[in-house]
Amino acid sequence: MIDLHGKRAIVTGAAAGIGRATAALLAELGAHVVLADLDADHGEQAAAETGGTFVRCDVSRRTDCERLVRTAVGHHGGVDVLFNNAGIIRRSTVCEITDDDWDAVMAVNVRSIMLLSGLVVPLMAADGGGSIINTGSGWGIKGGARAVSYCASKGAVVNMTRAMAIDHGPDNIRVNCVCPGDTNTGMLAEEARQLGESAEAFYTDAADRPLGRIGQPGDIARTVAFLASDAAAFVSGAVIAVDGAGTA
């Protein structure tokens, strides 16, 4: 059911983790993929493995986003799929967080979606439609301890998704949100470091959910691939938890 042959995709945060797994799967399913990340070394490696094109991009900067979209259009003539996946986390309470950390989380997790979607929507509309998938989080659906900026940003992503689906549905642009639970990525290890906990104990706690394990990047990638495909032609405005029933 999932066939992406001929689809033209942009994946942000594509150098590692969920973004890298998704770029690889989209390419395997036939899509032409442009990978974006700040990490040029791993990004170029990921692009070589997938046969895609890498663009070093700070997704919080409009000029970088414009260059990314120009590259996608120049290589493939347009954009059918946008996976707004880039994200960062700063574990702290509202009393602990600095202004700079708050602004950085909001810029990468929220502003980037506004910037890239605003650039891509007109292209999709002119081509008859498209699919935008945003990476939310289980903490965009419910709260979490010592993660106030991350929870705020992902809550914004969840409701941005709904608003965008309403605004751009008439142009046949579907907008959906995947909300991963704890997933085996560098970000999860970084959380343990920020909290001063051992990675082993942190991962054990993270696996305390009905399915009894943490997620793997491929778990989320497969959901994104479905949402990117015509198999999800009537799915828009959806917020899909991919978290082993953690939020349930």
C-alpha atoms as a PDB file:
ATOM      1  CA  MET A   1       0.000   0.000   0.000  1.00  0.00           C
ATOM      2  CA  ILE A   2       2.865   2.377   0.673  1.00  0.00           C
ATOM      3  CA  ASP A   3       4.409   3.457  -2.623  1.00  0.00           C
ATOM      4  CA  LEU A   4       6.390   6.683  -2.767  1.00  0.00           C
ATOM      5  CA  HIS A   5       7.867   6.359  -6.258  1.00  0.00           C
ATOM      6  CA  GLY A   6       8.291   9.810  -7.766  1.00  0.00           C
ATOM      7  CA  LYS A   7       7.513  11.660  -4.522  1.00  0.00           C
ATOM      8  CA  ARG A   8       9.868  14.538  -3.727  1.00  0.00           C
ATOM      9  CA  ALA A   9      10.641  14.824  -0.010  1.00  0.00           C
ATOM     10  CA  ILE A  10      12.486  17.074   2.427  1.00  0.00           C
ATOM     11  CA  VAL A  11      13.501  15.589   5.788  1.00  0.00           C
ATOM     12  CA  THR A  12      14.958  17.819   8.498  1.00  0.00           C
ATOM     13  CA  GLY A  13      17.052  16.551  11.378  1.00  0.00           C
ATOM     14  CA  ALA A  14      18.135  13.873   8.918  1.00  0.00           C
ATOM     15  CA  ALA A  15      21.705  13.226  10.053  1.00  0.00           C
ATOM     16  CA  ALA A  16      20.722  10.822  12.827  1.00  0.00           C
ATOM     17  CA  GLY A  17      17.915   9.125  14.704  1.00  0.00           C
ATOM     18  CA  ILE A  18      14.335   9.395  13.483  1.00  0.00           C
ATOM     19  CA  GLY A  19      15.203  11.737  10.619  1.00  0.00           C
ATOM     20  CA  ARG A  20      17.922   9.489   9.247  1.00  0.00           C
ATOM     21  CA  ALA A  21      15.759   6.363   9.519  1.00  0.00           C
ATOM     22  CA  THR A  22      12.885   8.152   7.797  1.00  0.00           C
ATOM     23  CA  ALA A  23      15.029   9.499   4.969  1.00  0.00           C
ATOM     24  CA  ALA A  24      16.344   5.991   4.356  1.00  0.00           C
ATOM     25  CA  LEU A  25      12.860   4.455   4.341  1.00  0.00           C
ATOM     26  CA  LEU A  26      11.364   7.118   2.067  1.00  0.00           C
ATOM     27  CA  ALA A  27      14.206   6.566  -0.380  1.00  0.00           C
ATOM     28  CA  GLU A  28      13.742   2.788  -0.174  1.00  0.00           C
ATOM     29  CA  LEU A  29      10.076   3.277  -1.034  1.00  0.00           C
ATOM     30  CA  GLY A  30      10.978   5.285  -4.131  1.00  0.00           C
ATOM     31  CA  ALA A  31      11.064   8.921  -3.030  1.00  0.00           C
ATOM     32  CA  HIS A  32      13.667  11.495  -4.023  1.00  0.00           C
ATOM     33  CA  VAL A  33      14.942  12.807  -0.688  1.00  0.00           C
ATOM     34  CA  VAL A  34      16.692  16.028   0.312  1.00  0.00           C
ATOM     35  CA  LEU A  35      18.205  15.673   3.790  1.00  0.00           C
ATOM     36  CA  ALA A  36      18.778  18.697   6.018  1.00  0.00           C
ATOM     37  CA  ASP A  37      20.762  19.013   9.237  1.00  0.00           C
ATOM     38  CA  LEU A  38      23.417  21.119  10.948  1.00  0.00           C
ATOM     39  CA  ASP A  39      25.678  18.066  11.285  1.00  0.00           C
ATOM     40  CA  ALA A  40      27.365  18.055   7.908  1.00  0.00           C
ATOM     41  CA  ASP A  41      29.560  14.972   8.437  1.00  0.00           C
ATOM     42  CA  HIS A  42      26.746  12.625   9.417  1.00  0.00           C
ATOM     43  CA  GLY A  43      24.323  14.342   7.061  1.00  0.00           C
ATOM     44  CA  GLU A  44      26.555  13.756   4.039  1.00  0.00           C
ATOM     45  CA  GLN A  45      27.001  10.153   5.139  1.00  0.00           C
ATOM     46  CA  ALA A  46      23.246   9.660   5.422  1.00  0.00           C
ATOM     47  CA  ALA A  47      22.699  11.201   2.005  1.00  0.00           C
ATOM     48  CA  ALA A  48      25.302   8.913   0.452  1.00  0.00           C
ATOM     49  CA  GLU A  49      23.606   5.879   1.992  1.00  0.00           C
ATOM     50  CA  THR A  50      20.168   6.880   0.731  1.00  0.00           C
ATOM     51  CA  GLY A  51      21.136   8.305  -2.649  1.00  0.00           C
ATOM     52  CA  GLY A  52      19.707  11.632  -1.553  1.00  0.00           C
ATOM     53  CA  THR A  53      21.008  15.187  -1.469  1.00  0.00           C
ATOM     54  CA  PHE A  54      22.300  16.784   1.731  1.00  0.00           C
ATOM     55  CA  VAL A  55      21.946  20.468   2.618  1.00  0.00           C
ATOM     56  CA  ARG A  56      23.543  21.880   5.752  1.00  0.00           C
ATOM     57  CA  CYS A  57      20.724  23.904   7.257  1.00  0.00           C
ATOM     58  CA  ASP A  58      19.906  25.760  10.441  1.00  0.00           C
ATOM     59  CA  VAL A  59      16.152  25.303  10.300  1.00  0.00           C
ATOM     60  CA  SER A  60      15.585  28.245  12.643  1.00  0.00           C
ATOM     61  CA  ARG A  61      16.987  30.668  10.036  1.00  0.00           C
ATOM     62  CA  ARG A  62      14.839  31.809   7.128  1.00  0.00           C
ATOM     63  CA  THR A  63      17.770  32.183   4.732  1.00  0.00           C
ATOM     64  CA  ASP A  64      18.863  28.590   5.376  1.00  0.00           C
ATOM     65  CA  CYS A  65      15.316  27.318   4.890  1.00  0.00           C
ATOM     66  CA  GLU A  66      15.011  29.230   1.627  1.00  0.00           C
ATOM     67  CA  ARG A  67      18.255  27.662   0.390  1.00  0.00           C
ATOM     68  CA  LEU A  68      17.017  24.206   1.374  1.00  0.00           C
ATOM     69  CA  VAL A  69      13.776  24.607  -0.550  1.00  0.00           C
ATOM     70  CA  ARG A  70      15.593  26.074  -3.564  1.00  0.00           C
ATOM     71  CA  THR A  71      17.834  23.011  -3.585  1.00  0.00           C
ATOM     72  CA  ALA A  72      14.855  20.658  -3.494  1.00  0.00           C
ATOM     73  CA  VAL A  73      13.156  22.516  -6.329  1.00  0.00           C
ATOM     74  CA  GLY A  74      16.366  22.722  -8.335  1.00  0.00           C
ATOM     75  CA  HIS A  75      17.054  19.004  -8.037  1.00  0.00           C
ATOM     76  CA  HIS A  76      13.539  17.611  -8.281  1.00  0.00           C
ATOM     77  CA  GLY A  77      11.219  20.372  -9.479  1.00  0.00           C
ATOM     78  CA  GLY A  78       9.097  20.645  -6.356  1.00  0.00           C
ATOM     79  CA  VAL A  79       8.208  19.211  -2.951  1.00  0.00           C
ATOM     80  CA  ASP A  80       5.487  16.629  -2.300  1.00  0.00           C
ATOM     81  CA  VAL A  81       6.459  15.644   1.255  1.00  0.00           C
ATOM     82  CA  LEU A  82       7.876  17.763   4.068  1.00  0.00           C
ATOM     83  CA  PHE A  83       8.911  16.026   7.275  1.00  0.00           C
ATOM     84  CA  ASN A  84       9.521  18.747   9.885  1.00  0.00           C
ATOM     85  CA  ASN A  85      11.547  16.592  12.254  1.00  0.00           C
ATOM     86  CA  ALA A  86      14.454  18.681  13.556  1.00  0.00           C
ATOM     87  CA  GLY A  87      14.295  19.232  17.304  1.00  0.00           C
ATOM     88  CA  ILE A  88      16.257  19.860  20.477  1.00  0.00           C
ATOM     89  CA  ILE A  89      15.543  19.468  24.190  1.00  0.00           C
ATOM     90  CA  ARG A  90      16.642  21.321  27.324  1.00  0.00           C
ATOM     91  CA  ARG A  91      15.611  19.556  30.519  1.00  0.00           C
ATOM     92  CA  SER A  92      14.727  22.164  33.145  1.00  0.00           C
ATOM     93  CA  THR A  93      11.895  23.757  35.079  1.00  0.00           C
ATOM     94  CA  VAL A  94      10.554  27.233  34.408  1.00  0.00           C
ATOM     95  CA  CYS A  95      12.698  28.455  37.315  1.00  0.00           C
ATOM     96  CA  GLU A  96      15.883  26.921  35.929  1.00  0.00           C
ATOM     97  CA  ILE A  97      15.737  27.589  32.206  1.00  0.00           C
ATOM     98  CA  THR A  98      17.683  30.462  30.707  1.00  0.00           C
ATOM     99  CA  ASP A  99      16.268  32.881  28.184  1.00  0.00           C
ATOM    100  CA  ASP A 100      18.711  31.602  25.577  1.00  0.00           C
ATOM    101  CA  ASP A 101      17.725  27.961  26.071  1.00  0.00           C
ATOM    102  CA  TRP A 102      14.022  28.807  25.906  1.00  0.00           C
ATOM    103  CA  ASP A 103      14.516  30.763  22.692  1.00  0.00           C
ATOM    104  CA  ALA A 104      16.654  28.008  21.146  1.00  0.00           C
ATOM    105  CA  VAL A 105      14.054  25.311  21.809  1.00  0.00           C
ATOM    106  CA  MET A 106      11.255  27.435  20.398  1.00  0.00           C
ATOM    107  CA  ALA A 107      13.318  28.396  17.352  1.00  0.00           C
ATOM    108  CA  VAL A 108      14.278  24.858  16.376  1.00  0.00           C
ATOM    109  CA  ASN A 109      11.102  23.046  17.410  1.00  0.00           C
ATOM    110  CA  VAL A 110       8.445  25.580  16.419  1.00  0.00           C
ATOM    111  CA  ARG A 111       9.725  28.433  14.247  1.00  0.00           C
ATOM    112  CA  SER A 112      11.322  25.964  11.828  1.00  0.00           C
ATOM    113  CA  ILE A 113       7.924  24.448  11.070  1.00  0.00           C
ATOM    114  CA  MET A 114       6.473  27.878  10.376  1.00  0.00           C
ATOM    115  CA  LEU A 115       9.393  28.806   8.117  1.00  0.00           C
ATOM    116  CA  LEU A 116       9.620  25.636   6.040  1.00  0.00           C
ATOM    117  CA  SER A 117       5.888  25.057   5.797  1.00  0.00           C
ATOM    118  CA  GLY A 118       5.364  28.649   4.696  1.00  0.00           C
ATOM    119  CA  LEU A 119       7.869  28.143   1.899  1.00  0.00           C
ATOM    120  CA  VAL A 120       6.619  24.725   0.808  1.00  0.00           C
ATOM    121  CA  VAL A 121       2.825  25.153   0.982  1.00  0.00           C
ATOM    122  CA  PRO A 122       2.632  27.403  -2.124  1.00  0.00           C
ATOM    123  CA  LEU A 123       4.681  24.867  -4.093  1.00  0.00           C
ATOM    124  CA  MET A 124       2.448  22.011  -3.006  1.00  0.00           C
ATOM    125  CA  ALA A 125      -0.698  23.999  -3.757  1.00  0.00           C
ATOM    126  CA  ALA A 126       0.537  24.782  -7.261  1.00  0.00           C
ATOM    127  CA  ASP A 127       1.244  21.073  -7.845  1.00  0.00           C
ATOM    128  CA  GLY A 128      -2.156  19.902  -6.629  1.00  0.00           C
ATOM    129  CA  GLY A 129      -1.354  18.947  -3.049  1.00  0.00           C
ATOM    130  CA  GLY A 130       1.132  17.343  -0.722  1.00  0.00           C
ATOM    131  CA  SER A 131       1.811  15.970   2.722  1.00  0.00           C
ATOM    132  CA  ILE A 132       3.410  17.736   5.695  1.00  0.00           C
ATOM    133  CA  ILE A 133       4.325  15.671   8.720  1.00  0.00           C
ATOM    134  CA  ASN A 134       5.470  17.363  11.929  1.00  0.00           C
ATOM    135  CA  THR A 135       7.320  15.664  14.763  1.00  0.00           C
ATOM    136  CA  GLY A 136       5.541  16.300  18.031  1.00  0.00           C
ATOM    137  CA  SER A 137       6.027  14.243  21.175  1.00  0.00           C
ATOM    138  CA  GLY A 138       4.142  12.411  23.862  1.00  0.00           C
ATOM    139  CA  TRP A 139       4.952  15.536  25.856  1.00  0.00           C
ATOM    140  CA  GLY A 140       3.003  17.565  23.339  1.00  0.00           C
ATOM    141  CA  ILE A 141      -0.054  15.621  24.475  1.00  0.00           C
ATOM    142  CA  LYS A 142       0.631  15.499  28.216  1.00  0.00           C
ATOM    143  CA  GLY A 143       3.142  17.166  30.529  1.00  0.00           C
ATOM    144  CA  GLY A 144       6.514  15.949  31.743  1.00  0.00           C
ATOM    145  CA  ALA A 145       8.885  16.796  34.573  1.00  0.00           C
ATOM    146  CA  ARG A 146      11.744  19.257  34.106  1.00  0.00           C
ATOM    147  CA  ALA A 147      10.988  19.784  30.420  1.00  0.00           C
ATOM    148  CA  VAL A 148       8.935  22.962  30.390  1.00  0.00           C
ATOM    149  CA  SER A 149      10.322  24.442  27.174  1.00  0.00           C
ATOM    150  CA  TYR A 150      10.156  21.140  25.316  1.00  0.00           C
ATOM    151  CA  CYS A 151       6.579  20.474  26.467  1.00  0.00           C
ATOM    152  CA  ALA A 152       5.576  24.008  25.459  1.00  0.00           C
ATOM    153  CA  SER A 153       7.183  23.642  22.040  1.00  0.00           C
ATOM    154  CA  LYS A 154       5.680  20.259  21.282  1.00  0.00           C
ATOM    155  CA  GLY A 155       2.254  21.370  22.478  1.00  0.00           C
ATOM    156  CA  ALA A 156       2.587  24.191  19.965  1.00  0.00           C
ATOM    157  CA  VAL A 157       3.531  21.717  17.224  1.00  0.00           C
ATOM    158  CA  VAL A 158       0.442  19.609  17.927  1.00  0.00           C
ATOM    159  CA  ASN A 159      -1.943  22.542  17.614  1.00  0.00           C
ATOM    160  CA  MET A 160      -0.037  24.107  14.692  1.00  0.00           C
ATOM    161  CA  THR A 161      -0.639  20.839  12.889  1.00  0.00           C
ATOM    162  CA  ARG A 162      -4.384  21.092  13.387  1.00  0.00           C
ATOM    163  CA  ALA A 163      -4.461  24.755  12.319  1.00  0.00           C
ATOM    164  CA  MET A 164      -2.401  24.066   9.201  1.00  0.00           C
ATOM    165  CA  ALA A 165      -4.612  21.118   8.253  1.00  0.00           C
ATOM    166  CA  ILE A 166      -7.638  23.423   8.389  1.00  0.00           C
ATOM    167  CA  ASP A 167      -5.973  26.251   6.469  1.00  0.00           C
ATOM    168  CA  HIS A 168      -4.464  24.197   3.661  1.00  0.00           C
ATOM    169  CA  GLY A 169      -6.876  21.298   3.269  1.00  0.00           C
ATOM    170  CA  PRO A 170      -8.688  23.128   0.449  1.00  0.00           C
ATOM    171  CA  ASP A 171      -5.423  22.910  -1.526  1.00  0.00           C
ATOM    172  CA  ASN A 172      -5.275  19.137  -0.949  1.00  0.00           C
ATOM    173  CA  ILE A 173      -2.389  19.537   1.490  1.00  0.00           C
ATOM    174  CA  ARG A 174      -2.580  17.067   4.342  1.00  0.00           C
ATOM    175  CA  VAL A 175      -0.890  18.024   7.622  1.00  0.00           C
ATOM    176  CA  ASN A 176      -0.355  15.477  10.377  1.00  0.00           C
ATOM    177  CA  CYS A 177       1.722  15.055  13.505  1.00  0.00           C
ATOM    178  CA  VAL A 178       3.581  12.014  14.831  1.00  0.00           C
ATOM    179  CA  CYS A 179       4.196  12.017  18.570  1.00  0.00           C
ATOM    180  CA  PRO A 180       7.011   9.616  19.464  1.00  0.00           C
ATOM    181  CA  GLY A 181       7.532   8.312  22.938  1.00  0.00           C
ATOM    182  CA  ASP A 182      11.058   7.784  24.269  1.00  0.00           C
ATOM    183  CA  THR A 183      13.053   6.568  21.274  1.00  0.00           C
ATOM    184  CA  ASN A 184      16.538   5.139  21.009  1.00  0.00           C
ATOM    185  CA  THR A 185      18.268   8.211  19.606  1.00  0.00           C
ATOM    186  CA  GLY A 186      21.058  10.568  20.579  1.00  0.00           C
ATOM    187  CA  MET A 187      18.469  12.930  22.052  1.00  0.00           C
ATOM    188  CA  LEU A 188      17.451  10.347  24.645  1.00  0.00           C
ATOM    189  CA  ALA A 189      21.072   9.897  25.710  1.00  0.00           C
ATOM    190  CA  GLU A 190      21.427  13.679  25.853  1.00  0.00           C
ATOM    191  CA  GLU A 191      18.453  13.894  28.212  1.00  0.00           C
ATOM    192  CA  ALA A 192      20.130  11.474  30.606  1.00  0.00           C
ATOM    193  CA  ARG A 193      23.283  13.582  30.493  1.00  0.00           C
ATOM    194  CA  GLN A 194      21.386  16.822  31.157  1.00  0.00           C
ATOM    195  CA  LEU A 195      19.639  15.273  34.150  1.00  0.00           C
ATOM    196  CA  GLY A 196      22.842  13.755  35.510  1.00  0.00           C
ATOM    197  CA  GLU A 197      21.471  10.207  35.322  1.00  0.00           C
ATOM    198  CA  SER A 198      23.129   7.061  34.031  1.00  0.00           C
ATOM    199  CA  ALA A 199      22.014   6.198  30.517  1.00  0.00           C
ATOM    200  CA  GLU A 200      21.291   2.607  31.570  1.00  0.00           C
ATOM    201  CA  ALA A 201      18.906   3.626  34.359  1.00  0.00           C
ATOM    202  CA  PHE A 202      17.317   6.298  32.178  1.00  0.00           C
ATOM    203  CA  TYR A 203      16.638   3.843  29.364  1.00  0.00           C
ATOM    204  CA  THR A 204      15.217   1.285  31.823  1.00  0.00           C
ATOM    205  CA  ASP A 205      12.771   3.867  33.175  1.00  0.00           C
ATOM    206  CA  ALA A 206      11.849   4.945  29.649  1.00  0.00           C
ATOM    207  CA  ALA A 207      10.868   1.369  28.772  1.00  0.00           C
ATOM    208  CA  ASP A 208       8.235   1.319  31.531  1.00  0.00           C
ATOM    209  CA  ARG A 209       5.220   1.372  29.220  1.00  0.00           C
ATOM    210  CA  PRO A 210       2.653  -1.245  28.141  1.00  0.00           C
ATOM    211  CA  LEU A 211       4.732  -2.583  25.239  1.00  0.00           C
ATOM    212  CA  GLY A 212       7.715  -2.858  27.573  1.00  0.00           C
ATOM    213  CA  ARG A 213      10.374  -1.175  25.454  1.00  0.00           C
ATOM    214  CA  ILE A 214      11.517   2.159  24.123  1.00  0.00           C
ATOM    215  CA  GLY A 215      10.912   3.029  20.509  1.00  0.00           C
ATOM    216  CA  GLN A 216      13.327   2.533  17.659  1.00  0.00           C
ATOM    217  CA  PRO A 217      13.746   5.158  14.914  1.00  0.00           C
ATOM    218  CA  GLY A 218      12.227   2.763  12.395  1.00  0.00           C
ATOM    219  CA  ASP A 219       9.010   2.597  14.403  1.00  0.00           C
ATOM    220  CA  ILE A 220       8.419   6.276  13.796  1.00  0.00           C
ATOM    221  CA  ALA A 221       9.781   6.197  10.228  1.00  0.00           C
ATOM    222  CA  ARG A 222       7.158   3.666   9.162  1.00  0.00           C
ATOM    223  CA  THR A 223       4.366   5.873  10.480  1.00  0.00           C
ATOM    224  CA  VAL A 224       5.783   8.881   8.639  1.00  0.00           C
ATOM    225  CA  ALA A 225       6.028   6.870   5.424  1.00  0.00           C
ATOM    226  CA  PHE A 226       2.349   5.941   5.715  1.00  0.00           C
ATOM    227  CA  LEU A 227       1.361   9.572   6.255  1.00  0.00           C
ATOM    228  CA  ALA A 228       3.489  10.642   3.299  1.00  0.00           C
ATOM    229  CA  SER A 229       1.834   8.123   1.002  1.00  0.00           C
ATOM    230  CA  ASP A 230      -1.454   8.055  -0.860  1.00  0.00           C
ATOM    231  CA  ALA A 231      -2.547   5.279   1.507  1.00  0.00           C
ATOM    232  CA  ALA A 232      -3.229   8.122   3.966  1.00  0.00           C
ATOM    233  CA  ALA A 233      -5.167  10.196   1.429  1.00  0.00           C
ATOM    234  CA  PHE A 234      -7.986  11.008   3.884  1.00  0.00           C
ATOM    235  CA  VAL A 235      -5.796  11.444   6.976  1.00  0.00           C
ATOM    236  CA  SER A 236      -5.239  15.088   7.902  1.00  0.00           C
ATOM    237  CA  GLY A 237      -5.147  16.989  11.166  1.00  0.00           C
ATOM    238  CA  ALA A 238      -4.276  13.760  12.976  1.00  0.00           C
ATOM    239  CA  VAL A 239      -2.038  13.576  16.031  1.00  0.00           C
ATOM    240  CA  ILE A 240      -0.676  10.039  16.187  1.00  0.00           C
ATOM    241  CA  ALA A 241       1.115   8.760  19.278  1.00  0.00           C
ATOM    242  CA  VAL A 242       3.850   6.255  18.368  1.00  0.00           C
ATOM    243  CA  ASP A 243       4.854   5.387  21.898  1.00  0.00           C
ATOM    244  CA  GLY A 244       4.002   1.830  22.880  1.00  0.00           C
ATOM    245  CA  ALA A 245       0.849   3.065  24.674  1.00  0.00           C
ATOM    246  CA  GLY A 246       2.880   5.366  26.900  1.00  0.00           C
ATOM    247  CA  THR A 247       0.399   8.225  26.743  1.00  0.00           C
ATOM    248  CA  ALA A 248      -2.522   5.802  27.040  1.00  0.00           C
END
